[in-house]
Amino acid sequence: MGKIILRLDRVMADRKMSLNELSVKVGVTNVNLSKIKTGKISAIRFSTLEAICDALQCQPGDILEYDPNAVSEDKE
């Protein structure tokens, strides 16, 4: 089974937006956004994903990527 990879860091870099700036725009703490950015989460609320997409002017597919060849850490 594959793995969902988070690409928030790449989209933030493309938009030249810092974690602090995104945190203020989205209304989510730096710590929680950092976990999303590094992929240290197992779920994300649609409302948070919507707020991130709104702030970064992107689509969910710009942030989330499915890699069918990657091994999920919880399946190892």
Protein backbone atom coordinates (compact mmCIF):
# COMPACT_ATOMS: atom_id res chain seq x y z
CA MET A 1 0.00 0.00 0.00
CA GLY A 2 1.24 3.50 -0.82
CA LYS A 3 1.53 6.63 1.24
CA ILE A 4 0.14 10.17 1.25
CA ILE A 5 2.97 12.72 1.11
CA LEU A 6 2.45 16.30 2.27
CA ARG A 7 3.99 19.00 0.09
CA LEU A 8 3.03 22.03 2.18
CA ASP A 9 6.67 23.10 2.45
CA ARG A 10 7.01 23.24 -1.33
CA VAL A 11 3.81 25.26 -1.82
CA MET A 12 4.81 27.67 0.97
CA ALA A 13 8.22 28.17 -0.64
CA ASP A 14 6.62 28.79 -4.04
CA ARG A 15 4.38 31.44 -2.45
CA LYS A 16 7.25 32.84 -0.33
CA MET A 17 5.13 32.49 2.81
CA SER A 18 6.58 31.78 6.23
CA LEU A 19 5.12 29.38 8.76
CA ASN A 20 4.27 32.31 11.03
CA GLU A 21 2.44 34.17 8.27
CA LEU A 22 0.49 31.08 7.26
CA SER A 23 -0.35 30.38 10.90
CA VAL A 24 -1.92 33.82 11.29
CA LYS A 25 -3.87 33.54 8.03
CA VAL A 26 -5.15 30.03 8.75
CA GLY A 27 -5.74 30.38 12.49
CA VAL A 28 -3.75 27.27 13.36
CA THR A 29 -0.80 27.22 15.76
CA ASN A 30 2.76 27.14 14.45
CA VAL A 31 3.24 23.76 16.13
CA ASN A 32 0.28 22.18 14.33
CA LEU A 33 1.25 23.70 10.98
CA SER A 34 4.80 22.50 11.48
CA LYS A 35 3.48 18.95 12.00
CA ILE A 36 1.50 19.22 8.77
CA LYS A 37 4.51 20.65 6.96
CA THR A 38 6.78 17.80 8.07
CA GLY A 39 4.15 15.09 7.56
CA LYS A 40 3.99 14.17 11.25
CA ILE A 41 0.19 13.87 11.19
CA SER A 42 -2.23 11.04 10.53
CA ALA A 43 -5.27 13.21 9.68
CA ILE A 44 -6.20 16.75 8.69
CA ARG A 45 -9.58 18.43 9.03
CA PHE A 46 -11.19 19.59 5.81
CA SER A 47 -11.72 23.02 7.41
CA THR A 48 -7.95 23.30 8.02
CA LEU A 49 -7.15 22.10 4.51
CA GLU A 50 -9.64 24.59 3.08
CA ALA A 51 -8.11 27.45 5.11
CA ILE A 52 -4.58 26.49 3.98
CA CYS A 53 -5.69 26.32 0.34
CA ASP A 54 -7.41 29.69 0.66
CA ALA A 55 -4.34 31.32 2.24
CA LEU A 56 -1.95 29.83 -0.31
CA GLN A 57 -4.33 30.15 -3.28
CA CYS A 58 -3.82 26.50 -4.21
CA GLN A 59 -5.72 23.25 -4.62
CA PRO A 60 -5.60 20.31 -2.15
CA GLY A 61 -3.73 18.32 -4.81
CA ASP A 62 -0.92 20.88 -4.65
CA ILE A 63 -0.40 19.96 -0.98
CA LEU A 64 -1.28 16.25 -0.94
CA GLU A 65 0.37 13.64 -3.12
CA TYR A 66 -0.17 9.88 -3.24
CA ASP A 67 2.88 7.72 -3.86
CA PRO A 68 1.80 4.13 -4.55
CA ASN A 69 5.38 2.88 -4.17
CA ALA A 70 6.14 4.49 -0.80
CA VAL A 71 5.74 2.38 2.32
CA SER A 72 3.52 3.88 4.99
CA GLU A 73 5.39 4.16 8.31
CA ASP A 74 2.51 2.63 10.27
CA LYS A 75 2.56 -0.42 7.94
CA GLU A 76 6.29 -1.20 8.35
